[in-house]
Amino acid sequence: MTSSSAFVSQAPISQSDEWFQETASAQIRQEKLAKAERLNGRVAMLGFLLAILTEALSGYGILGQLHIG
C-alpha cells in the first residue's frame, strides 16, 4: 500500500518562496481577523438595537428587564 503523501514532491523551499508563504499567511490571518471583527460589530449593533426596541415596547430599561433595578 502506498500513501498519497509518497507522491508529493518535497522540493527545498527557497528564501523568496519562504518569504512569500509567510507574507501570504500573515495577510490571510489579517483578513480573517478583519472579517471576524466586522461580524462582531454587526452583532453588537443588532443587540443594542434590540435592547432599545425592547425598552421602547415594554417601558422598562435594560436593568429593569433583568429585574436588577
N, C-alpha and C. Protein backbone atom coordinates (compact mmCIF):
# COMPACT_ATOMS: atom_id res chain seq x y z
N MET A 1 0.84 -1.17 0.00
CA MET A 1 0.00 0.00 0.00
C MET A 1 0.89 1.24 0.00
N THR A 2 0.58 2.13 -0.90
CA THR A 2 1.31 3.40 -0.92
C THR A 2 0.37 4.50 -0.53
N SER A 3 0.87 5.43 0.23
CA SER A 3 0.03 6.55 0.63
C SER A 3 0.17 7.66 -0.40
N SER A 4 -0.83 8.52 -0.43
CA SER A 4 -0.81 9.62 -1.40
C SER A 4 0.30 10.61 -1.10
N SER A 5 0.75 10.67 0.16
CA SER A 5 1.83 11.59 0.50
C SER A 5 3.16 11.15 -0.09
N ALA A 6 3.27 9.90 -0.51
CA ALA A 6 4.51 9.42 -1.11
C ALA A 6 4.73 10.06 -2.47
N PHE A 7 3.68 10.53 -3.11
CA PHE A 7 3.80 11.12 -4.43
C PHE A 7 4.03 12.63 -4.39
N VAL A 8 3.94 13.23 -3.21
CA VAL A 8 4.14 14.67 -3.09
C VAL A 8 5.63 14.95 -3.05
N SER A 9 6.06 15.81 -3.93
CA SER A 9 7.46 16.17 -4.00
C SER A 9 7.78 17.15 -2.88
N GLN A 10 8.84 16.91 -2.19
CA GLN A 10 9.28 17.79 -1.11
C GLN A 10 10.50 18.58 -1.59
N ALA A 11 10.27 19.51 -2.50
CA ALA A 11 11.35 20.34 -3.03
C ALA A 11 11.80 21.31 -1.94
N PRO A 12 13.08 21.61 -1.89
CA PRO A 12 13.55 22.58 -0.90
C PRO A 12 12.94 23.96 -1.17
N ILE A 13 12.59 24.65 -0.09
CA ILE A 13 11.96 25.96 -0.21
C ILE A 13 13.05 27.01 -0.26
N SER A 14 13.00 27.82 -1.30
CA SER A 14 14.00 28.88 -1.42
C SER A 14 13.64 30.03 -0.47
N GLN A 15 14.57 30.93 -0.28
CA GLN A 15 14.37 32.05 0.62
C GLN A 15 13.20 32.92 0.17
N SER A 16 13.08 33.19 -1.14
CA SER A 16 11.99 34.03 -1.63
C SER A 16 10.65 33.32 -1.49
N ASP A 17 10.62 32.00 -1.68
CA ASP A 17 9.37 31.26 -1.51
C ASP A 17 8.93 31.27 -0.05
N GLU A 18 9.89 31.14 0.85
CA GLU A 18 9.57 31.16 2.27
C GLU A 18 9.01 32.52 2.67
N TRP A 19 9.60 33.59 2.18
CA TRP A 19 9.10 34.94 2.45
C TRP A 19 7.68 35.09 1.92
N PHE A 20 7.44 34.60 0.71
CA PHE A 20 6.11 34.71 0.11
C PHE A 20 5.09 33.94 0.93
N GLN A 21 5.43 32.74 1.38
CA GLN A 21 4.49 31.94 2.17
C GLN A 21 4.17 32.63 3.49
N GLU A 22 5.18 33.18 4.15
CA GLU A 22 4.95 33.87 5.42
C GLU A 22 4.09 35.12 5.22
N THR A 23 4.37 35.87 4.15
CA THR A 23 3.61 37.08 3.87
C THR A 23 2.16 36.75 3.52
N ALA A 24 1.96 35.74 2.71
CA ALA A 24 0.60 35.33 2.34
C ALA A 24 -0.16 34.83 3.57
N SER A 25 0.51 34.08 4.43
CA SER A 25 -0.12 33.57 5.64
C SER A 25 -0.54 34.71 6.55
N ALA A 26 0.32 35.71 6.70
CA ALA A 26 0.00 36.87 7.54
C ALA A 26 -1.17 37.66 6.96
N GLN A 27 -1.22 37.79 5.66
CA GLN A 27 -2.31 38.52 5.02
C GLN A 27 -3.64 37.78 5.20
N ILE A 28 -3.62 36.49 5.06
CA ILE A 28 -4.84 35.69 5.24
C ILE A 28 -5.33 35.81 6.68
N ARG A 29 -4.39 35.76 7.66
CA ARG A 29 -4.74 35.91 9.06
C ARG A 29 -5.39 37.27 9.31
N GLN A 30 -4.82 38.33 8.74
CA GLN A 30 -5.37 39.68 8.90
C GLN A 30 -6.77 39.79 8.31
N GLU A 31 -6.98 39.19 7.13
CA GLU A 31 -8.30 39.23 6.50
C GLU A 31 -9.34 38.49 7.34
N LYS A 32 -8.96 37.35 7.93
CA LYS A 32 -9.89 36.61 8.78
C LYS A 32 -10.23 37.40 10.04
N LEU A 33 -9.21 38.06 10.63
CA LEU A 33 -9.47 38.88 11.81
C LEU A 33 -10.37 40.05 11.48
N ALA A 34 -10.16 40.68 10.34
CA ALA A 34 -10.99 41.82 9.94
C ALA A 34 -12.44 41.37 9.74
N LYS A 35 -12.61 40.20 9.13
CA LYS A 35 -13.97 39.68 8.91
C LYS A 35 -14.65 39.36 10.24
N ALA A 36 -13.89 38.78 11.18
CA ALA A 36 -14.45 38.45 12.49
C ALA A 36 -14.83 39.71 13.25
N GLU A 37 -13.98 40.74 13.19
CA GLU A 37 -14.29 41.99 13.87
C GLU A 37 -15.51 42.68 13.27
N ARG A 38 -15.64 42.62 11.95
CA ARG A 38 -16.81 43.22 11.29
C ARG A 38 -18.08 42.50 11.73
N LEU A 39 -18.04 41.18 11.78
CA LEU A 39 -19.21 40.40 12.23
C LEU A 39 -19.52 40.71 13.69
N ASN A 40 -18.50 40.78 14.52
CA ASN A 40 -18.70 41.09 15.94
C ASN A 40 -19.36 42.46 16.10
N GLY A 41 -18.93 43.45 15.35
CA GLY A 41 -19.53 44.78 15.42
C GLY A 41 -20.98 44.78 14.98
N ARG A 42 -21.28 44.04 13.94
CA ARG A 42 -22.66 43.98 13.44
C ARG A 42 -23.57 43.31 14.46
N VAL A 43 -23.10 42.25 15.09
CA VAL A 43 -23.91 41.56 16.09
C VAL A 43 -24.12 42.46 17.30
N ALA A 44 -23.10 43.22 17.69
CA ALA A 44 -23.24 44.14 18.82
C ALA A 44 -24.27 45.23 18.50
N MET A 45 -24.22 45.76 17.28
CA MET A 45 -25.20 46.79 16.89
C MET A 45 -26.62 46.22 16.90
N LEU A 46 -26.77 45.00 16.44
CA LEU A 46 -28.08 44.36 16.44
C LEU A 46 -28.58 44.15 17.86
N GLY A 47 -27.71 43.71 18.75
CA GLY A 47 -28.10 43.53 20.15
C GLY A 47 -28.50 44.84 20.80
N PHE A 48 -27.77 45.91 20.51
CA PHE A 48 -28.10 47.22 21.06
C PHE A 48 -29.46 47.69 20.54
N LEU A 49 -29.70 47.50 19.24
CA LEU A 49 -30.98 47.88 18.65
C LEU A 49 -32.13 47.11 19.28
N LEU A 50 -31.95 45.82 19.48
CA LEU A 50 -33.00 45.01 20.11
C LEU A 50 -33.24 45.45 21.55
N ALA A 51 -32.19 45.82 22.27
CA ALA A 51 -32.36 46.30 23.65
C ALA A 51 -33.15 47.60 23.66
N ILE A 52 -32.88 48.50 22.74
CA ILE A 52 -33.60 49.78 22.67
C ILE A 52 -35.07 49.54 22.29
N LEU A 53 -35.31 48.66 21.31
CA LEU A 53 -36.68 48.35 20.91
C LEU A 53 -37.46 47.70 22.06
N THR A 54 -36.82 46.79 22.77
CA THR A 54 -37.48 46.14 23.90
C THR A 54 -37.82 47.16 24.98
N GLU A 55 -36.90 48.09 25.22
CA GLU A 55 -37.15 49.13 26.21
C GLU A 55 -38.31 50.02 25.78
N ALA A 56 -38.36 50.37 24.49
CA ALA A 56 -39.43 51.22 23.99
C ALA A 56 -40.79 50.51 24.07
N LEU A 57 -40.82 49.22 23.79
CA LEU A 57 -42.08 48.49 23.81
C LEU A 57 -42.55 48.13 25.21
N SER A 58 -41.62 47.82 26.11
CA SER A 58 -42.03 47.38 27.44
C SER A 58 -42.07 48.51 28.45
N GLY A 59 -41.32 49.56 28.21
CA GLY A 59 -41.27 50.65 29.16
C GLY A 59 -40.25 50.44 30.27
N TYR A 60 -39.56 49.33 30.25
CA TYR A 60 -38.53 49.02 31.25
C TYR A 60 -37.16 49.18 30.61
N GLY A 61 -36.25 49.73 31.38
CA GLY A 61 -34.87 49.82 30.91
C GLY A 61 -34.19 48.46 30.94
N ILE A 62 -32.92 48.45 30.52
CA ILE A 62 -32.17 47.18 30.49
C ILE A 62 -32.12 46.55 31.87
N LEU A 63 -31.79 47.32 32.89
CA LEU A 63 -31.71 46.76 34.24
C LEU A 63 -33.09 46.34 34.75
N GLY A 64 -34.12 47.06 34.39
CA GLY A 64 -35.47 46.70 34.79
C GLY A 64 -35.91 45.40 34.13
N GLN A 65 -35.49 45.17 32.89
CA GLN A 65 -35.82 43.93 32.21
C GLN A 65 -35.13 42.73 32.87
N LEU A 66 -33.99 42.99 33.46
CA LEU A 66 -33.25 41.92 34.14
C LEU A 66 -33.64 41.81 35.62
N HIS A 67 -34.60 42.64 36.07
CA HIS A 67 -35.08 42.68 37.45
C HIS A 67 -33.96 43.02 38.41
N ILE A 68 -33.04 43.89 37.96
CA ILE A 68 -31.94 44.32 38.83
C ILE A 68 -32.25 45.70 39.42
N GLY A 69 -32.83 46.56 38.59
CA GLY A 69 -33.04 47.94 39.05
C GLY A 69 -34.49 48.34 39.07
